[in-house]
Amino acid sequence: MLNWVIQKLSITMFNYLLNSGVLDKIDSKIGHYFFHQFSLRLPKFIGI
């Protein structure tokens, strides 16, 4: 359940970045790489 919530949060944040045009200013490969790294580190950041 917790993983699902984290995944939903990550996807929502990613969609927000996409819609706000932030990712248009970055190379998409770099954007996807940072998003992936962020998804991996999010649980540690929250403190799970």
N, C-alpha and C. Protein backbone atom coordinates (compact mmCIF):
# COMPACT_ATOMS: atom_id res chain seq x y z
N MET A 1 0.83 -1.20 0.00
CA MET A 1 0.00 0.00 0.00
C MET A 1 0.87 1.26 0.00
N LEU A 2 1.90 1.26 0.86
CA LEU A 2 2.77 2.42 0.96
C LEU A 2 3.52 2.66 -0.34
N ASN A 3 3.97 1.57 -0.96
CA ASN A 3 4.66 1.70 -2.24
C ASN A 3 3.75 2.31 -3.29
N TRP A 4 2.47 1.93 -3.24
CA TRP A 4 1.49 2.46 -4.19
C TRP A 4 1.34 3.96 -4.00
N VAL A 5 1.28 4.39 -2.75
CA VAL A 5 1.14 5.82 -2.45
C VAL A 5 2.36 6.59 -2.95
N ILE A 6 3.55 6.05 -2.70
CA ILE A 6 4.79 6.68 -3.16
C ILE A 6 4.81 6.77 -4.68
N GLN A 7 4.38 5.70 -5.32
CA GLN A 7 4.35 5.68 -6.79
C GLN A 7 3.39 6.74 -7.31
N LYS A 8 2.21 6.84 -6.68
CA LYS A 8 1.22 7.82 -7.09
C LYS A 8 1.76 9.23 -6.92
N LEU A 9 2.41 9.49 -5.79
CA LEU A 9 3.00 10.80 -5.53
C LEU A 9 4.05 11.14 -6.58
N SER A 10 4.90 10.17 -6.90
CA SER A 10 5.96 10.39 -7.88
C SER A 10 5.38 10.70 -9.25
N ILE A 11 4.37 9.92 -9.64
CA ILE A 11 3.74 10.12 -10.95
C ILE A 11 3.06 11.48 -11.00
N THR A 12 2.38 11.85 -9.92
CA THR A 12 1.71 13.14 -9.87
C THR A 12 2.70 14.27 -10.00
N MET A 13 3.83 14.14 -9.29
CA MET A 13 4.86 15.17 -9.35
C MET A 13 5.47 15.24 -10.75
N PHE A 14 5.69 14.08 -11.35
CA PHE A 14 6.26 14.01 -12.69
C PHE A 14 5.31 14.68 -13.69
N ASN A 15 4.01 14.38 -13.56
CA ASN A 15 3.01 14.98 -14.45
C ASN A 15 2.95 16.49 -14.27
N TYR A 16 3.08 16.93 -13.01
CA TYR A 16 3.08 18.37 -12.73
C TYR A 16 4.26 19.04 -13.44
N LEU A 17 5.44 18.42 -13.32
CA LEU A 17 6.63 18.97 -13.98
C LEU A 17 6.45 19.00 -15.49
N LEU A 18 5.85 17.93 -16.02
CA LEU A 18 5.60 17.86 -17.46
C LEU A 18 4.67 18.99 -17.89
N ASN A 19 3.55 19.13 -17.17
CA ASN A 19 2.53 20.10 -17.54
C ASN A 19 2.99 21.53 -17.35
N SER A 20 3.86 21.75 -16.37
CA SER A 20 4.33 23.11 -16.11
C SER A 20 5.45 23.51 -17.07
N GLY A 21 5.88 22.55 -17.90
CA GLY A 21 6.87 22.86 -18.92
C GLY A 21 8.30 22.83 -18.42
N VAL A 22 8.49 22.41 -17.17
CA VAL A 22 9.85 22.37 -16.63
C VAL A 22 10.71 21.39 -17.41
N LEU A 23 10.13 20.23 -17.72
CA LEU A 23 10.90 19.20 -18.40
C LEU A 23 11.21 19.56 -19.85
N ASP A 24 10.42 20.50 -20.41
CA ASP A 24 10.70 20.93 -21.78
C ASP A 24 12.04 21.65 -21.86
N LYS A 25 12.43 22.25 -20.74
CA LYS A 25 13.68 23.00 -20.70
C LYS A 25 14.87 22.08 -20.45
N ILE A 26 14.60 20.87 -20.04
CA ILE A 26 15.67 19.90 -19.78
C ILE A 26 15.61 18.83 -20.86
N ASP A 27 16.75 18.26 -21.16
CA ASP A 27 16.77 17.10 -22.06
C ASP A 27 15.95 15.99 -21.42
N SER A 28 15.07 15.34 -22.17
CA SER A 28 14.18 14.35 -21.56
C SER A 28 14.90 13.19 -20.92
N LYS A 29 16.01 12.79 -21.49
CA LYS A 29 16.76 11.68 -20.89
C LYS A 29 17.26 12.07 -19.50
N ILE A 30 17.78 13.29 -19.39
CA ILE A 30 18.24 13.77 -18.09
C ILE A 30 17.06 13.86 -17.13
N GLY A 31 15.95 14.38 -17.62
CA GLY A 31 14.75 14.50 -16.80
C GLY A 31 14.29 13.15 -16.28
N HIS A 32 14.25 12.15 -17.15
CA HIS A 32 13.82 10.82 -16.74
C HIS A 32 14.81 10.21 -15.76
N TYR A 33 16.09 10.46 -15.97
CA TYR A 33 17.12 9.93 -15.07
C TYR A 33 16.94 10.50 -13.67
N PHE A 34 16.78 11.83 -13.59
CA PHE A 34 16.62 12.46 -12.28
C PHE A 34 15.32 12.03 -11.63
N PHE A 35 14.27 11.87 -12.43
CA PHE A 35 12.99 11.41 -11.88
C PHE A 35 13.14 10.02 -11.30
N HIS A 36 13.87 9.15 -12.01
CA HIS A 36 14.09 7.79 -11.54
C HIS A 36 14.88 7.80 -10.23
N GLN A 37 15.92 8.60 -10.18
CA GLN A 37 16.73 8.71 -8.96
C GLN A 37 15.89 9.23 -7.81
N PHE A 38 15.04 10.22 -8.11
CA PHE A 38 14.18 10.80 -7.09
C PHE A 38 13.22 9.75 -6.54
N SER A 39 12.66 8.93 -7.43
CA SER A 39 11.73 7.88 -7.01
C SER A 39 12.40 6.88 -6.08
N LEU A 40 13.67 6.58 -6.36
CA LEU A 40 14.40 5.62 -5.55
C LEU A 40 14.72 6.19 -4.17
N ARG A 41 14.97 7.50 -4.11
CA ARG A 41 15.41 8.11 -2.86
C ARG A 41 14.26 8.63 -2.02
N LEU A 42 13.07 8.75 -2.61
CA LEU A 42 11.93 9.31 -1.89
C LEU A 42 11.61 8.58 -0.59
N PRO A 43 11.57 7.24 -0.60
CA PRO A 43 11.26 6.53 0.66
C PRO A 43 12.26 6.85 1.77
N LYS A 44 13.55 6.96 1.44
CA LYS A 44 14.55 7.29 2.44
C LYS A 44 14.35 8.71 2.94
N PHE A 45 13.97 9.60 2.04
CA PHE A 45 13.76 11.00 2.40
C PHE A 45 12.59 11.13 3.37
N ILE A 46 11.52 10.38 3.11
CA ILE A 46 10.35 10.40 3.98
C ILE A 46 10.69 9.76 5.32
N GLY A 47 11.61 8.79 5.28
CA GLY A 47 12.05 8.15 6.52
C GLY A 47 11.41 6.81 6.76
N ILE A 48 11.05 6.13 5.68
CA ILE A 48 10.45 4.80 5.82
C ILE A 48 11.55 3.78 6.08
